[in-house]
Amino acid sequence: MESIILTFVSVALLLAVIAFIKERRLRLALQGILRHLIHRWRAHGKTDTSNDSDADLADRDRL
């Protein structure tokens, strides 16, 4: 009886560790993608402001 409980606890612990590792890898991958997109967005914003769709016409005239 004790060996069955120990087996179940071991399997549950193993599954929890695997889930934690997968979640951490996914979070790091998403952070990398987000960091890359933000970097591209900031670089694009500094080099090309004439194609900004959010800018008002009055703001474009000031440029």
C-alpha atoms as a PDB file:
ATOM      1  CA  MET A   1       0.000   0.000   0.000  1.00  0.00           C
ATOM      2  CA  GLU A   2       2.774   2.429   0.894  1.00  0.00           C
ATOM      3  CA  SER A   3       4.615   1.690  -2.344  1.00  0.00           C
ATOM      4  CA  ILE A   4       1.527   2.580  -4.392  1.00  0.00           C
ATOM      5  CA  ILE A   5       1.174   5.915  -2.592  1.00  0.00           C
ATOM      6  CA  LEU A   6       4.887   6.590  -3.030  1.00  0.00           C
ATOM      7  CA  THR A   7       4.594   5.791  -6.745  1.00  0.00           C
ATOM      8  CA  PHE A   8       1.630   8.141  -7.178  1.00  0.00           C
ATOM      9  CA  VAL A   9       3.408  10.933  -5.318  1.00  0.00           C
ATOM     10  CA  SER A  10       6.548  10.405  -7.406  1.00  0.00           C
ATOM     11  CA  VAL A  11       4.595  10.525 -10.665  1.00  0.00           C
ATOM     12  CA  ALA A  12       2.723  13.649  -9.550  1.00  0.00           C
ATOM     13  CA  LEU A  13       5.988  15.336  -8.602  1.00  0.00           C
ATOM     14  CA  LEU A  14       7.561  14.390 -11.932  1.00  0.00           C
ATOM     15  CA  LEU A  15       4.581  15.789 -13.855  1.00  0.00           C
ATOM     16  CA  ALA A  16       4.712  19.014 -11.832  1.00  0.00           C
ATOM     17  CA  VAL A  17       8.423  19.466 -12.596  1.00  0.00           C
ATOM     18  CA  ILE A  18       7.862  18.799 -16.306  1.00  0.00           C
ATOM     19  CA  ALA A  19       4.979  21.294 -16.407  1.00  0.00           C
ATOM     20  CA  PHE A  20       7.101  23.901 -14.602  1.00  0.00           C
ATOM     21  CA  ILE A  21       9.980  23.466 -17.065  1.00  0.00           C
ATOM     22  CA  LYS A  22       7.680  23.727 -20.089  1.00  0.00           C
ATOM     23  CA  GLU A  23       5.959  26.810 -18.685  1.00  0.00           C
ATOM     24  CA  ARG A  24       9.312  28.481 -17.997  1.00  0.00           C
ATOM     25  CA  ARG A  25      10.610  27.735 -21.494  1.00  0.00           C
ATOM     26  CA  LEU A  26       7.407  29.087 -23.030  1.00  0.00           C
ATOM     27  CA  ARG A  27       7.573  32.241 -20.914  1.00  0.00           C
ATOM     28  CA  LEU A  28      11.200  32.855 -21.889  1.00  0.00           C
ATOM     29  CA  ALA A  29      10.402  32.307 -25.565  1.00  0.00           C
ATOM     30  CA  LEU A  30       7.479  34.737 -25.423  1.00  0.00           C
ATOM     31  CA  GLN A  31       9.626  37.319 -23.631  1.00  0.00           C
ATOM     32  CA  GLY A  32      12.231  36.991 -26.370  1.00  0.00           C
ATOM     33  CA  ILE A  33       9.632  37.474 -29.092  1.00  0.00           C
ATOM     34  CA  LEU A  34       8.156  40.474 -27.303  1.00  0.00           C
ATOM     35  CA  ARG A  35      11.600  42.015 -26.753  1.00  0.00           C
ATOM     36  CA  HIS A  36      12.383  41.558 -30.455  1.00  0.00           C
ATOM     37  CA  LEU A  37       9.086  43.138 -31.547  1.00  0.00           C
ATOM     38  CA  ILE A  38       9.512  46.097 -29.203  1.00  0.00           C
ATOM     39  CA  HIS A  39      13.055  46.632 -30.471  1.00  0.00           C
ATOM     40  CA  ARG A  40      11.863  46.593 -34.090  1.00  0.00           C
ATOM     41  CA  TRP A  41       8.935  48.875 -33.255  1.00  0.00           C
ATOM     42  CA  ARG A  42      11.180  51.419 -31.532  1.00  0.00           C
ATOM     43  CA  ALA A  43      13.775  51.292 -34.307  1.00  0.00           C
ATOM     44  CA  HIS A  44      11.068  51.760 -36.939  1.00  0.00           C
ATOM     45  CA  GLY A  45       9.544  54.651 -35.033  1.00  0.00           C
ATOM     46  CA  LYS A  46      12.855  56.500 -34.873  1.00  0.00           C
ATOM     47  CA  THR A  47      13.659  56.135 -38.573  1.00  0.00           C
ATOM     48  CA  ASP A  48      10.304  56.606 -40.287  1.00  0.00           C
ATOM     49  CA  THR A  49       7.682  58.902 -38.793  1.00  0.00           C
ATOM     50  CA  SER A  50       6.012  59.829 -42.097  1.00  0.00           C
ATOM     51  CA  ASN A  51       4.144  56.500 -42.292  1.00  0.00           C
ATOM     52  CA  ASP A  52       2.674  56.757 -38.811  1.00  0.00           C
ATOM     53  CA  SER A  53      -1.023  56.028 -39.266  1.00  0.00           C
ATOM     54  CA  ASP A  54      -1.869  57.454 -35.826  1.00  0.00           C
ATOM     55  CA  ALA A  55      -0.473  60.905 -36.550  1.00  0.00           C
ATOM     56  CA  ASP A  56      -2.904  63.721 -37.266  1.00  0.00           C
ATOM     57  CA  LEU A  57      -2.650  65.708 -40.467  1.00  0.00           C
ATOM     58  CA  ALA A  58      -1.803  68.793 -38.417  1.00  0.00           C
ATOM     59  CA  ASP A  59       1.114  66.950 -36.846  1.00  0.00           C
ATOM     60  CA  ARG A  60       2.370  65.926 -40.291  1.00  0.00           C
ATOM     61  CA  ASP A  61       2.219  69.543 -41.466  1.00  0.00           C
ATOM     62  CA  ARG A  62       4.461  70.569 -38.576  1.00  0.00           C
ATOM     63  CA  LEU A  63       7.097  68.105 -39.759  1.00  0.00           C
END
